[in-house]
């Protein structure tokens, strides 16, 4: 008679705990950079000494749209002059790549081991 693989059963409480735990992990992973101040560090703000639509390089159409939104040159200056710095830190890029590649290597190794265990359990006498 063939043995069929029967995965272990998990209770409803266990499933709830796993789901809540994963939700907390995602929440923490998204908010840790905010808490540590690692977001928005790559922006510059060069406000000219005299603020006008001309010094902000806004043409008449742009000026009209800003005014429709209720902005004056003074209130729009910070928004207009904030530029993002897209320079890449090679060390952090390499660390990120190593972590991601390491995670996928770990995932493949563990999955391979579990797959082989299931095959061995099903087909070995």
PDB file of N, CA and C in Angstrom:
ATOM      1  N   UNK A   1       0.845  -1.178   0.000  1.00  0.00           N
ATOM      2  CA  UNK A   1       0.000   0.000   0.000  1.00  0.00           C
ATOM      3  C   UNK A   1       0.894   1.247   0.000  1.00  0.00           C
ATOM      4  N   UNK A   2       0.526   2.266  -0.807  1.00  0.00           N
ATOM      5  CA  UNK A   2       1.309   3.503  -0.893  1.00  0.00           C
ATOM      6  C   UNK A   2       1.052   4.388   0.309  1.00  0.00           C
ATOM      7  N   UNK A   3       2.141   5.007   0.758  1.00  0.00           N
ATOM      8  CA  UNK A   3       1.998   5.991   1.832  1.00  0.00           C
ATOM      9  C   UNK A   3       1.814   7.355   1.186  1.00  0.00           C
ATOM     10  N   UNK A   4       0.820   8.075   1.603  1.00  0.00           N
ATOM     11  CA  UNK A   4       0.591   9.421   1.097  1.00  0.00           C
ATOM     12  C   UNK A   4       1.100  10.424   2.111  1.00  0.00           C
ATOM     13  N   UNK A   5       1.717  11.460   1.588  1.00  0.00           N
ATOM     14  CA  UNK A   5       2.247  12.503   2.475  1.00  0.00           C
ATOM     15  C   UNK A   5       1.087  13.273   3.076  1.00  0.00           C
ATOM     16  N   UNK A   6       1.093  13.366   4.368  1.00  0.00           N
ATOM     17  CA  UNK A   6       0.091  14.152   5.065  1.00  0.00           C
ATOM     18  C   UNK A   6       0.798  15.260   5.822  1.00  0.00           C
ATOM     19  N   UNK A   7       0.610  16.522   5.393  1.00  0.00           N
ATOM     20  CA  UNK A   7       1.298  17.620   6.068  1.00  0.00           C
ATOM     21  C   UNK A   7       0.775  17.769   7.489  1.00  0.00           C
ATOM     22  N   UNK A   8       1.618  18.314   8.371  1.00  0.00           N
ATOM     23  CA  UNK A   8       1.161  18.488   9.752  1.00  0.00           C
ATOM     24  C   UNK A   8      -0.006  19.469   9.825  1.00  0.00           C
ATOM     25  N   UNK A   9      -0.912  19.221  10.719  1.00  0.00           N
ATOM     26  CA  UNK A   9      -2.079  20.091  10.894  1.00  0.00           C
ATOM     27  C   UNK A   9      -1.722  21.244  11.813  1.00  0.00           C
ATOM     28  N   UNK A  10      -2.286  22.399  11.517  1.00  0.00           N
ATOM     29  CA  UNK A  10      -2.066  23.565  12.378  1.00  0.00           C
ATOM     30  C   UNK A  10      -3.422  24.059  12.856  1.00  0.00           C
ATOM     31  N   UNK A  11      -3.478  24.386  14.122  1.00  0.00           N
ATOM     32  CA  UNK A  11      -4.746  24.828  14.700  1.00  0.00           C
ATOM     33  C   UNK A  11      -5.079  26.240  14.219  1.00  0.00           C
ATOM     34  N   UNK A  12      -6.312  26.634  14.421  1.00  0.00           N
ATOM     35  CA  UNK A  12      -6.747  27.985  14.066  1.00  0.00           C
ATOM     36  C   UNK A  12      -6.000  29.047  14.860  1.00  0.00           C
ATOM     37  N   UNK A  13      -5.711  28.759  16.119  1.00  0.00           N
ATOM     38  CA  UNK A  13      -4.960  29.705  16.948  1.00  0.00           C
ATOM     39  C   UNK A  13      -3.537  29.856  16.402  1.00  0.00           C
ATOM     40  N   UNK A  14      -2.944  28.748  15.989  1.00  0.00           N
ATOM     41  CA  UNK A  14      -1.600  28.791  15.403  1.00  0.00           C
ATOM     42  C   UNK A  14      -1.576  29.604  14.123  1.00  0.00           C
ATOM     43  N   UNK A  15      -2.603  29.424  13.276  1.00  0.00           N
ATOM     44  CA  UNK A  15      -2.694  30.199  12.035  1.00  0.00           C
ATOM     45  C   UNK A  15      -2.870  31.684  12.331  1.00  0.00           C
ATOM     46  N   UNK A  16      -3.710  31.986  13.333  1.00  0.00           N
ATOM     47  CA  UNK A  16      -3.905  33.388  13.716  1.00  0.00           C
ATOM     48  C   UNK A  16      -2.606  33.994  14.220  1.00  0.00           C
ATOM     49  N   UNK A  17      -1.895  33.253  15.079  1.00  0.00           N
ATOM     50  CA  UNK A  17      -0.616  33.749  15.600  1.00  0.00           C
ATOM     51  C   UNK A  17       0.385  33.983  14.471  1.00  0.00           C
ATOM     52  N   UNK A  18       0.487  33.032  13.530  1.00  0.00           N
ATOM     53  CA  UNK A  18       1.403  33.193  12.399  1.00  0.00           C
ATOM     54  C   UNK A  18       1.056  34.429  11.572  1.00  0.00           C
ATOM     55  N   UNK A  19      -0.235  34.632  11.303  1.00  0.00           N
ATOM     56  CA  UNK A  19      -0.665  35.792  10.520  1.00  0.00           C
ATOM     57  C   UNK A  19      -0.364  37.101  11.249  1.00  0.00           C
ATOM     58  N   UNK A  20      -0.670  37.138  12.546  1.00  0.00           N
ATOM     59  CA  UNK A  20      -0.408  38.350  13.333  1.00  0.00           C
ATOM     60  C   UNK A  20       1.089  38.619  13.413  1.00  0.00           C
ATOM     61  N   UNK A  21       1.884  37.568  13.588  1.00  0.00           N
ATOM     62  CA  UNK A  21       3.334  37.720  13.670  1.00  0.00           C
ATOM     63  C   UNK A  21       3.890  38.276  12.365  1.00  0.00           C
ATOM     64  N   UNK A  22       3.435  37.753  11.227  1.00  0.00           N
ATOM     65  CA  UNK A  22       3.895  38.260   9.931  1.00  0.00           C
ATOM     66  C   UNK A  22       3.453  39.704   9.718  1.00  0.00           C
ATOM     67  N   UNK A  23       2.263  40.042  10.159  1.00  0.00           N
ATOM     68  CA  UNK A  23       1.785  41.416  10.040  1.00  0.00           C
ATOM     69  C   UNK A  23       2.659  42.363  10.858  1.00  0.00           C
ATOM     70  N   UNK A  24       3.014  41.956  12.064  1.00  0.00           N
ATOM     71  CA  UNK A  24       3.901  42.771  12.908  1.00  0.00           C
ATOM     72  C   UNK A  24       5.276  42.912  12.255  1.00  0.00           C
ATOM     73  N   UNK A  25       5.806  41.834  11.692  1.00  0.00           N
ATOM     74  CA  UNK A  25       7.103  41.907  11.021  1.00  0.00           C
ATOM     75  C   UNK A  25       7.079  42.881   9.847  1.00  0.00           C
ATOM     76  N   UNK A  26       6.026  42.853   9.048  1.00  0.00           N
ATOM     77  CA  UNK A  26       5.915  43.786   7.918  1.00  0.00           C
ATOM     78  C   UNK A  26       5.813  45.216   8.430  1.00  0.00           C
ATOM     79  N   UNK A  27       5.008  45.431   9.453  1.00  0.00           N
ATOM     80  CA  UNK A  27       4.847  46.762  10.045  1.00  0.00           C
ATOM     81  C   UNK A  27       6.186  47.290  10.553  1.00  0.00           C
ATOM     82  N   UNK A  28       6.917  46.463  11.269  1.00  0.00           N
ATOM     83  CA  UNK A  28       8.222  46.872  11.804  1.00  0.00           C
ATOM     84  C   UNK A  28       9.202  47.147  10.669  1.00  0.00           C
ATOM     85  N   UNK A  29       9.216  46.284   9.660  1.00  0.00           N
ATOM     86  CA  UNK A  29      10.140  46.472   8.543  1.00  0.00           C
ATOM     87  C   UNK A  29       9.873  47.772   7.791  1.00  0.00           C
ATOM     88  N   UNK A  30       8.614  48.185   7.737  1.00  0.00           N
ATOM     89  CA  UNK A  30       8.279  49.425   7.039  1.00  0.00           C
ATOM     90  C   UNK A  30       8.543  50.659   7.885  1.00  0.00           C
ATOM     91  N   UNK A  31       8.423  50.536   9.208  1.00  0.00           N
ATOM     92  CA  UNK A  31       8.566  51.713  10.053  1.00  0.00           C
ATOM     93  C   UNK A  31       9.948  51.903  10.675  1.00  0.00           C
ATOM     94  N   UNK A  32      10.782  50.872  10.682  1.00  0.00           N
ATOM     95  CA  UNK A  32      12.128  51.031  11.234  1.00  0.00           C
ATOM     96  C   UNK A  32      12.906  52.125  10.500  1.00  0.00           C
ATOM     97  N   UNK A  33      12.887  52.174   9.158  1.00  0.00           N
ATOM     98  CA  UNK A  33      13.609  53.273   8.494  1.00  0.00           C
ATOM     99  C   UNK A  33      13.076  54.653   8.885  1.00  0.00           C
ATOM    100  N   UNK A  34      11.776  54.777   9.114  1.00  0.00           N
ATOM    101  CA  UNK A  34      11.224  56.063   9.543  1.00  0.00           C
ATOM    102  C   UNK A  34      11.701  56.434  10.940  1.00  0.00           C
ATOM    103  N   UNK A  35      11.685  55.450  11.841  1.00  0.00           N
ATOM    104  CA  UNK A  35      12.089  55.700  13.223  1.00  0.00           C
ATOM    105  C   UNK A  35      13.571  56.060  13.305  1.00  0.00           C
ATOM    106  N   UNK A  36      14.398  55.383  12.487  1.00  0.00           N
ATOM    107  CA  UNK A  36      15.838  55.639  12.507  1.00  0.00           C
ATOM    108  C   UNK A  36      16.241  56.850  11.669  1.00  0.00           C
ATOM    109  N   UNK A  37      15.269  57.480  11.024  1.00  0.00           N
ATOM    110  CA  UNK A  37      15.571  58.672  10.224  1.00  0.00           C
ATOM    111  C   UNK A  37      16.323  58.363   8.944  1.00  0.00           C
ATOM    112  N   UNK A  38      16.093  57.193   8.365  1.00  0.00           N
ATOM    113  CA  UNK A  38      16.795  56.808   7.147  1.00  0.00           C
ATOM    114  C   UNK A  38      16.045  57.197   5.880  1.00  0.00           C
ATOM    115  N   UNK A  39      14.899  57.838   6.004  1.00  0.00           N
ATOM    116  CA  UNK A  39      14.128  58.225   4.828  1.00  0.00           C
ATOM    117  C   UNK A  39      14.269  59.713   4.575  1.00  0.00           C
ATOM    118  N   UNK A  40      14.191  60.084   3.338  1.00  0.00           N
ATOM    119  CA  UNK A  40      14.223  61.492   2.973  1.00  0.00           C
ATOM    120  C   UNK A  40      15.570  62.150   3.155  1.00  0.00           C
ATOM    121  N   UNK A  41      16.601  61.372   3.440  1.00  0.00           N
ATOM    122  CA  UNK A  41      17.920  61.965   3.653  1.00  0.00           C
ATOM    123  C   UNK A  41      18.536  62.427   2.346  1.00  0.00           C
ATOM    124  N   UNK A  42      18.027  61.951   1.234  1.00  0.00           N
ATOM    125  CA  UNK A  42      18.625  62.267  -0.047  1.00  0.00           C
ATOM    126  C   UNK A  42      17.978  63.427  -0.763  1.00  0.00           C
ATOM    127  N   UNK A  43      17.597  64.465  -0.047  1.00  0.00           N
ATOM    128  CA  UNK A  43      16.996  65.613  -0.721  1.00  0.00           C
ATOM    129  C   UNK A  43      17.771  66.881  -0.391  1.00  0.00           C
ATOM    130  N   UNK A  44      17.735  67.799  -1.343  1.00  0.00           N
ATOM    131  CA  UNK A  44      18.379  69.101  -1.147  1.00  0.00           C
ATOM    132  C   UNK A  44      17.327  70.183  -1.335  1.00  0.00           C
ATOM    133  N   UNK A  45      17.553  71.315  -0.715  1.00  0.00           N
ATOM    134  CA  UNK A  45      16.593  72.404  -0.796  1.00  0.00           C
ATOM    135  C   UNK A  45      17.378  73.703  -0.986  1.00  0.00           C
ATOM    136  N   UNK A  46      17.388  74.222  -2.212  1.00  0.00           N
ATOM    137  CA  UNK A  46      18.110  75.450  -2.527  1.00  0.00           C
ATOM    138  C   UNK A  46      17.114  76.572  -2.805  1.00  0.00           C
ATOM    139  N   UNK A  47      16.686  77.242  -1.759  1.00  0.00           N
ATOM    140  CA  UNK A  47      15.741  78.355  -1.898  1.00  0.00           C
ATOM    141  C   UNK A  47      16.544  79.613  -2.245  1.00  0.00           C
ATOM    142  N   UNK A  48      16.159  80.327  -3.311  1.00  0.00           N
ATOM    143  CA  UNK A  48      16.883  81.559  -3.660  1.00  0.00           C
ATOM    144  C   UNK A  48      16.675  82.647  -2.601  1.00  0.00           C
ATOM    145  N   UNK A  49      17.594  83.613  -2.580  1.00  0.00           N
ATOM    146  CA  UNK A  49      17.503  84.696  -1.584  1.00  0.00           C
ATOM    147  C   UNK A  49      16.228  85.512  -1.770  1.00  0.00           C
ATOM    148  N   UNK A  50      15.963  85.930  -2.996  1.00  0.00           N
ATOM    149  CA  UNK A  50      14.715  86.644  -3.282  1.00  0.00           C
ATOM    150  C   UNK A  50      13.763  85.669  -3.940  1.00  0.00           C
ATOM    151  N   UNK A  51      12.587  85.564  -3.353  1.00  0.00           N
ATOM    152  CA  UNK A  51      11.633  84.570  -3.841  1.00  0.00           C
ATOM    153  C   UNK A  51      10.592  85.254  -4.723  1.00  0.00           C
ATOM    154  N   UNK A  52      10.539  84.811  -5.963  1.00  0.00           N
ATOM    155  CA  UNK A  52       9.497  85.229  -6.905  1.00  0.00           C
ATOM    156  C   UNK A  52       9.302  84.082  -7.882  1.00  0.00           C
ATOM    157  N   UNK A  53       8.254  84.170  -8.682  1.00  0.00           N
ATOM    158  CA  UNK A  53       8.002  83.105  -9.649  1.00  0.00           C
ATOM    159  C   UNK A  53       9.162  82.991 -10.637  1.00  0.00           C
ATOM    160  N   UNK A  54       9.783  84.105 -10.968  1.00  0.00           N
ATOM    161  CA  UNK A  54      10.891  84.089 -11.916  1.00  0.00           C
ATOM    162  C   UNK A  54      12.125  83.411 -11.316  1.00  0.00           C
ATOM    163  N   UNK A  55      12.453  83.717 -10.056  1.00  0.00           N
ATOM    164  CA  UNK A  55      13.623  83.087  -9.433  1.00  0.00           C
ATOM    165  C   UNK A  55      13.384  81.603  -9.147  1.00  0.00           C
ATOM    166  N   UNK A  56      12.127  81.206  -9.112  1.00  0.00           N
ATOM    167  CA  UNK A  56      11.791  79.796  -8.934  1.00  0.00           C
ATOM    168  C   UNK A  56      11.675  79.060 -10.273  1.00  0.00           C
ATOM    169  N   UNK A  57      11.981  79.783 -11.369  1.00  0.00           N
ATOM    170  CA  UNK A  57      11.919  79.225 -12.741  1.00  0.00           C
ATOM    171  C   UNK A  57      10.534  78.701 -13.092  1.00  0.00           C
ATOM    172  N   UNK A  58       9.516  79.458 -12.748  1.00  0.00           N
ATOM    173  CA  UNK A  58       8.145  79.075 -13.068  1.00  0.00           C
ATOM    174  C   UNK A  58       7.613  80.001 -14.165  1.00  0.00           C
ATOM    175  N   UNK A  59       7.117  79.402 -15.258  1.00  0.00           N
ATOM    176  CA  UNK A  59       6.550  80.225 -16.329  1.00  0.00           C
ATOM    177  C   UNK A  59       5.118  80.626 -15.967  1.00  0.00           C
ATOM    178  N   UNK A  60       4.447  81.339 -16.867  1.00  0.00           N
ATOM    179  CA  UNK A  60       3.110  81.864 -16.551  1.00  0.00           C
ATOM    180  C   UNK A  60       2.089  80.755 -16.324  1.00  0.00           C
ATOM    181  N   UNK A  61       2.187  79.690 -17.088  1.00  0.00           N
ATOM    182  CA  UNK A  61       1.245  78.572 -16.931  1.00  0.00           C
ATOM    183  C   UNK A  61       1.457  77.903 -15.568  1.00  0.00           C
ATOM    184  N   UNK A  62       2.707  77.652 -15.226  1.00  0.00           N
ATOM    185  CA  UNK A  62       3.008  77.032 -13.928  1.00  0.00           C
ATOM    186  C   UNK A  62       2.552  77.933 -12.784  1.00  0.00           C
ATOM    187  N   UNK A  63       2.819  79.228 -12.954  1.00  0.00           N
ATOM    188  CA  UNK A  63       2.428  80.199 -11.925  1.00  0.00           C
ATOM    189  C   UNK A  63       0.914  80.181 -11.725  1.00  0.00           C
ATOM    190  N   UNK A  64       0.178  80.133 -12.817  1.00  0.00           N
ATOM    191  CA  UNK A  64      -1.286  80.121 -12.721  1.00  0.00           C
ATOM    192  C   UNK A  64      -1.781  78.868 -11.998  1.00  0.00           C
ATOM    193  N   UNK A  65      -1.139  77.731 -12.279  1.00  0.00           N
ATOM    194  CA  UNK A  65      -1.552  76.489 -11.623  1.00  0.00           C
ATOM    195  C   UNK A  65      -1.250  76.514 -10.126  1.00  0.00           C
ATOM    196  N   UNK A  66      -0.090  77.062  -9.761  1.00  0.00           N
ATOM    197  CA  UNK A  66       0.237  77.190  -8.346  1.00  0.00           C
ATOM    198  C   UNK A  66      -0.785  78.089  -7.647  1.00  0.00           C
ATOM    199  N   UNK A  67      -1.143  79.188  -8.293  1.00  0.00           N
ATOM    200  CA  UNK A  67      -2.094  80.118  -7.685  1.00  0.00           C
ATOM    201  C   UNK A  67      -3.484  79.504  -7.567  1.00  0.00           C
ATOM    202  N   UNK A  68      -3.871  78.648  -8.538  1.00  0.00           N
ATOM    203  CA  UNK A  68      -5.155  77.944  -8.435  1.00  0.00           C
ATOM    204  C   UNK A  68      -5.188  77.037  -7.205  1.00  0.00           C
ATOM    205  N   UNK A  69      -4.026  76.513  -6.862  1.00  0.00           N
ATOM    206  CA  UNK A  69      -3.938  75.644  -5.688  1.00  0.00           C
ATOM    207  C   UNK A  69      -3.809  76.437  -4.394  1.00  0.00           C
ATOM    208  N   UNK A  70      -3.752  77.751  -4.497  1.00  0.00           N
ATOM    209  CA  UNK A  70      -3.692  78.594  -3.313  1.00  0.00           C
ATOM    210  C   UNK A  70      -2.287  78.905  -2.823  1.00  0.00           C
ATOM    211  N   UNK A  71      -1.290  78.703  -3.678  1.00  0.00           N
ATOM    212  CA  UNK A  71       0.091  78.965  -3.276  1.00  0.00           C
ATOM    213  C   UNK A  71       0.556  80.331  -3.749  1.00  0.00           C
ATOM    214  N   UNK A  72       1.420  80.930  -2.965  1.00  0.00           N
ATOM    215  CA  UNK A  72       2.124  82.153  -3.352  1.00  0.00           C
ATOM    216  C   UNK A  72       3.581  81.737  -3.608  1.00  0.00           C
ATOM    217  N   UNK A  73       4.396  82.606  -4.176  1.00  0.00           N
ATOM    218  CA  UNK A  73       5.800  82.222  -4.377  1.00  0.00           C
ATOM    219  C   UNK A  73       6.484  81.808  -3.070  1.00  0.00           C
ATOM    220  N   UNK A  74       6.147  82.460  -1.975  1.00  0.00           N
ATOM    221  CA  UNK A  74       6.780  82.140  -0.696  1.00  0.00           C
ATOM    222  C   UNK A  74       6.366  80.754  -0.182  1.00  0.00           C
ATOM    223  N   UNK A  75       5.087  80.425  -0.323  1.00  0.00           N
ATOM    224  CA  UNK A  75       4.624  79.126   0.194  1.00  0.00           C
ATOM    225  C   UNK A  75       5.002  77.968  -0.737  1.00  0.00           C
ATOM    226  N   UNK A  76       5.158  78.250  -2.017  1.00  0.00           N
ATOM    227  CA  UNK A  76       5.505  77.194  -2.978  1.00  0.00           C
ATOM    228  C   UNK A  76       7.015  76.999  -3.099  1.00  0.00           C
ATOM    229  N   UNK A  77       7.810  77.936  -2.587  1.00  0.00           N
ATOM    230  CA  UNK A  77       9.263  77.884  -2.781  1.00  0.00           C
ATOM    231  C   UNK A  77       9.882  76.601  -2.257  1.00  0.00           C
ATOM    232  N   UNK A  78       9.496  76.173  -1.070  1.00  0.00           N
ATOM    233  CA  UNK A  78      10.092  74.956  -0.497  1.00  0.00           C
ATOM    234  C   UNK A  78       9.732  73.728  -1.320  1.00  0.00           C
ATOM    235  N   UNK A  79       8.504  73.668  -1.797  1.00  0.00           N
ATOM    236  CA  UNK A  79       8.071  72.511  -2.602  1.00  0.00           C
ATOM    237  C   UNK A  79       8.820  72.492  -3.928  1.00  0.00           C
ATOM    238  N   UNK A  80       8.929  73.642  -4.566  1.00  0.00           N
ATOM    239  CA  UNK A  80       9.552  73.718  -5.888  1.00  0.00           C
ATOM    240  C   UNK A  80      11.055  73.445  -5.814  1.00  0.00           C
ATOM    241  N   UNK A  81      11.699  73.939  -4.800  1.00  0.00           N
ATOM    242  CA  UNK A  81      13.163  73.844  -4.741  1.00  0.00           C
ATOM    243  C   UNK A  81      13.682  72.567  -4.100  1.00  0.00           C
ATOM    244  N   UNK A  82      12.807  71.737  -3.551  1.00  0.00           N
ATOM    245  CA  UNK A  82      13.255  70.475  -2.969  1.00  0.00           C
ATOM    246  C   UNK A  82      13.535  69.489  -4.099  1.00  0.00           C
ATOM    247  N   UNK A  83      14.774  69.079  -4.208  1.00  0.00           N
ATOM    248  CA  UNK A  83      15.211  68.137  -5.239  1.00  0.00           C
ATOM    249  C   UNK A  83      15.761  66.890  -4.547  1.00  0.00           C
ATOM    250  N   UNK A  84      15.500  65.744  -5.126  1.00  0.00           N
ATOM    251  CA  UNK A  84      15.990  64.499  -4.558  1.00  0.00           C
ATOM    252  C   UNK A  84      17.376  64.179  -5.103  1.00  0.00           C
ATOM    253  N   UNK A  85      18.217  63.688  -4.224  1.00  0.00           N
ATOM    254  CA  UNK A  85      19.577  63.295  -4.591  1.00  0.00           C
ATOM    255  C   UNK A  85      19.546  61.800  -4.888  1.00  0.00           C
ATOM    256  N   UNK A  86      19.790  61.446  -6.142  1.00  0.00           N
ATOM    257  CA  UNK A  86      19.704  60.048  -6.544  1.00  0.00           C
ATOM    258  C   UNK A  86      21.065  59.364  -6.590  1.00  0.00           C
ATOM    259  N   UNK A  87      22.039  59.883  -5.858  1.00  0.00           N
ATOM    260  CA  UNK A  87      23.342  59.228  -5.832  1.00  0.00           C
ATOM    261  C   UNK A  87      23.229  57.922  -5.051  1.00  0.00           C
ATOM    262  N   UNK A  88      24.019  56.948  -5.454  1.00  0.00           N
ATOM    263  CA  UNK A  88      23.957  55.615  -4.865  1.00  0.00           C
ATOM    264  C   UNK A  88      25.202  55.383  -4.031  1.00  0.00           C
ATOM    265  N   UNK A  89      25.007  54.915  -2.813  1.00  0.00           N
ATOM    266  CA  UNK A  89      26.116  54.549  -1.944  1.00  0.00           C
ATOM    267  C   UNK A  89      26.494  53.106  -2.273  1.00  0.00           C
ATOM    268  N   UNK A  90      27.671  52.874  -2.862  1.00  0.00           N
ATOM    269  CA  UNK A  90      28.036  51.512  -3.291  1.00  0.00           C
ATOM    270  C   UNK A  90      28.085  50.503  -2.145  1.00  0.00           C
ATOM    271  N   UNK A  91      28.545  50.918  -0.971  1.00  0.00           N
ATOM    272  CA  UNK A  91      28.631  49.988   0.160  1.00  0.00           C
ATOM    273  C   UNK A  91      27.231  49.513   0.565  1.00  0.00           C
ATOM    274  N   UNK A  92      26.289  50.455   0.702  1.00  0.00           N
ATOM    275  CA  UNK A  92      24.923  50.069   1.064  1.00  0.00           C
ATOM    276  C   UNK A  92      24.262  49.244  -0.037  1.00  0.00           C
ATOM    277  N   UNK A  93      24.576  49.544  -1.298  1.00  0.00           N
ATOM    278  CA  UNK A  93      24.037  48.754  -2.406  1.00  0.00           C
ATOM    279  C   UNK A  93      24.540  47.318  -2.336  1.00  0.00           C
ATOM    280  N   UNK A  94      25.824  47.137  -2.064  1.00  0.00           N
ATOM    281  CA  UNK A  94      26.393  45.793  -1.962  1.00  0.00           C
ATOM    282  C   UNK A  94      25.801  45.054  -0.762  1.00  0.00           C
ATOM    283  N   UNK A  95      25.652  45.734   0.369  1.00  0.00           N
ATOM    284  CA  UNK A  95      25.055  45.097   1.549  1.00  0.00           C
ATOM    285  C   UNK A  95      23.630  44.652   1.244  1.00  0.00           C
ATOM    286  N   UNK A  96      22.860  45.513   0.589  1.00  0.00           N
ATOM    287  CA  UNK A  96      21.483  45.165   0.226  1.00  0.00           C
ATOM    288  C   UNK A  96      21.458  43.964  -0.710  1.00  0.00           C
ATOM    289  N   UNK A  97      22.336  43.962  -1.713  1.00  0.00           N
ATOM    290  CA  UNK A  97      22.383  42.842  -2.658  1.00  0.00           C
ATOM    291  C   UNK A  97      22.759  41.547  -1.947  1.00  0.00           C
ATOM    292  N   UNK A  98      23.732  41.596  -1.029  1.00  0.00           N
ATOM    293  CA  UNK A  98      24.148  40.393  -0.294  1.00  0.00           C
ATOM    294  C   UNK A  98      23.000  39.869   0.561  1.00  0.00           C
ATOM    295  N   UNK A  99      22.275  40.762   1.219  1.00  0.00           N
ATOM    296  CA  UNK A  99      21.151  40.329   2.055  1.00  0.00           C
ATOM    297  C   UNK A  99      20.067  39.672   1.197  1.00  0.00           C
ATOM    298  N   UNK A 100      19.720  40.287   0.085  1.00  0.00           N
ATOM    299  CA  UNK A 100      18.661  39.735  -0.774  1.00  0.00           C
ATOM    300  C   UNK A 100      19.095  38.409  -1.384  1.00  0.00           C
ATOM    301  N   UNK A 101      20.311  38.360  -1.914  1.00  0.00           N
ATOM    302  CA  UNK A 101      20.802  37.111  -2.509  1.00  0.00           C
ATOM    303  C   UNK A 101      20.937  36.032  -1.440  1.00  0.00           C
ATOM    304  N   UNK A 102      21.430  36.407  -0.264  1.00  0.00           N
ATOM    305  CA  UNK A 102      21.541  35.452   0.834  1.00  0.00           C
ATOM    306  C   UNK A 102      20.191  34.890   1.238  1.00  0.00           C
ATOM    307  N   UNK A 103      19.191  35.752   1.273  1.00  0.00           N
ATOM    308  CA  UNK A 103      17.839  35.293   1.620  1.00  0.00           C
ATOM    309  C   UNK A 103      17.343  34.268   0.604  1.00  0.00           C
ATOM    310  N   UNK A 104      17.531  34.542  -0.687  1.00  0.00           N
ATOM    311  CA  UNK A 104      17.037  33.618  -1.698  1.00  0.00           C
ATOM    312  C   UNK A 104      17.836  32.316  -1.724  1.00  0.00           C
ATOM    313  N   UNK A 105      19.143  32.376  -1.457  1.00  0.00           N
ATOM    314  CA  UNK A 105      19.930  31.146  -1.362  1.00  0.00           C
ATOM    315  C   UNK A 105      19.425  30.316  -0.176  1.00  0.00           C
ATOM    316  N   UNK A 106      19.210  30.967   0.965  1.00  0.00           N
ATOM    317  CA  UNK A 106      18.658  30.281   2.136  1.00  0.00           C
ATOM    318  C   UNK A 106      17.302  29.652   1.810  1.00  0.00           C
ATOM    319  N   UNK A 107      16.441  30.413   1.140  1.00  0.00           N
ATOM    320  CA  UNK A 107      15.111  29.932   0.791  1.00  0.00           C
ATOM    321  C   UNK A 107      15.180  28.700  -0.105  1.00  0.00           C
ATOM    322  N   UNK A 108      16.063  28.720  -1.106  1.00  0.00           N
ATOM    323  CA  UNK A 108      16.198  27.585  -2.017  1.00  0.00           C
ATOM    324  C   UNK A 108      16.762  26.374  -1.275  1.00  0.00           C
ATOM    325  N   UNK A 109      17.759  26.585  -0.426  1.00  0.00           N
ATOM    326  CA  UNK A 109      18.361  25.465   0.312  1.00  0.00           C
ATOM    327  C   UNK A 109      17.337  24.803   1.244  1.00  0.00           C
ATOM    328  N   UNK A 110      16.604  25.604   2.003  1.00  0.00           N
ATOM    329  CA  UNK A 110      15.615  25.052   2.927  1.00  0.00           C
ATOM    330  C   UNK A 110      14.492  24.357   2.153  1.00  0.00           C
ATOM    331  N   UNK A 111      14.035  24.978   1.075  1.00  0.00           N
ATOM    332  CA  UNK A 111      12.970  24.360   0.274  1.00  0.00           C
ATOM    333  C   UNK A 111      13.448  23.046  -0.326  1.00  0.00           C
ATOM    334  N   UNK A 112      14.695  23.007  -0.799  1.00  0.00           N
ATOM    335  CA  UNK A 112      15.242  21.784  -1.371  1.00  0.00           C
ATOM    336  C   UNK A 112      15.281  20.676  -0.330  1.00  0.00           C
ATOM    337  N   UNK A 113      15.727  21.010   0.881  1.00  0.00           N
ATOM    338  CA  UNK A 113      15.792  20.018   1.965  1.00  0.00           C
ATOM    339  C   UNK A 113      14.397  19.493   2.295  1.00  0.00           C
ATOM    340  N   UNK A 114      13.428  20.391   2.433  1.00  0.00           N
ATOM    341  CA  UNK A 114      12.075  19.963   2.754  1.00  0.00           C
ATOM    342  C   UNK A 114      11.473  19.130   1.627  1.00  0.00           C
ATOM    343  N   UNK A 115      11.731  19.527   0.382  1.00  0.00           N
ATOM    344  CA  UNK A 115      11.215  18.777  -0.765  1.00  0.00           C
ATOM    345  C   UNK A 115      11.795  17.370  -0.765  1.00  0.00           C
ATOM    346  N   UNK A 116      13.101  17.258  -0.526  1.00  0.00           N
ATOM    347  CA  UNK A 116      13.741  15.939  -0.501  1.00  0.00           C
ATOM    348  C   UNK A 116      13.206  15.093   0.660  1.00  0.00           C
ATOM    349  N   UNK A 117      12.928  15.709   1.796  1.00  0.00           N
ATOM    350  CA  UNK A 117      12.345  14.972   2.925  1.00  0.00           C
ATOM    351  C   UNK A 117      10.978  14.412   2.557  1.00  0.00           C
ATOM    352  N   UNK A 118      10.173  15.190   1.862  1.00  0.00           N
ATOM    353  CA  UNK A 118       8.833  14.729   1.462  1.00  0.00           C
ATOM    354  C   UNK A 118       8.964  13.581   0.466  1.00  0.00           C
ATOM    355  N   UNK A 119       9.873  13.713  -0.513  1.00  0.00           N
ATOM    356  CA  UNK A 119      10.064  12.652  -1.504  1.00  0.00           C
ATOM    357  C   UNK A 119      10.572  11.391  -0.815  1.00  0.00           C
ATOM    358  N   UNK A 120      11.543  11.539   0.090  1.00  0.00           N
ATOM    359  CA  UNK A 120      12.090  10.392   0.807  1.00  0.00           C
ATOM    360  C   UNK A 120      11.004   9.707   1.637  1.00  0.00           C
ATOM    361  N   UNK A 121      10.161  10.507   2.293  1.00  0.00           N
ATOM    362  CA  UNK A 121       9.089   9.962   3.122  1.00  0.00           C
ATOM    363  C   UNK A 121       8.056   9.220   2.285  1.00  0.00           C
ATOM    364  N   UNK A 122       7.805   9.724   1.084  1.00  0.00           N
ATOM    365  CA  UNK A 122       6.768   9.114   0.239  1.00  0.00           C
ATOM    366  C   UNK A 122       7.257   7.870  -0.496  1.00  0.00           C
ATOM    367  N   UNK A 123       8.504   7.884  -0.975  1.00  0.00           N
ATOM    368  CA  UNK A 123       8.938   6.815  -1.860  1.00  0.00           C
ATOM    369  C   UNK A 123       9.926   5.832  -1.254  1.00  0.00           C
ATOM    370  N   UNK A 124      10.579   6.159  -0.144  1.00  0.00           N
ATOM    371  CA  UNK A 124      11.493   5.200   0.471  1.00  0.00           C
ATOM    372  C   UNK A 124      10.700   4.222   1.328  1.00  0.00           C
ATOM    373  N   UNK A 125      11.118   2.970   1.267  1.00  0.00           N
ATOM    374  CA  UNK A 125      10.393   1.944   2.038  1.00  0.00           C
ATOM    375  C   UNK A 125      10.946   1.842   3.440  1.00  0.00           C
TER     376      UNK A 125
END
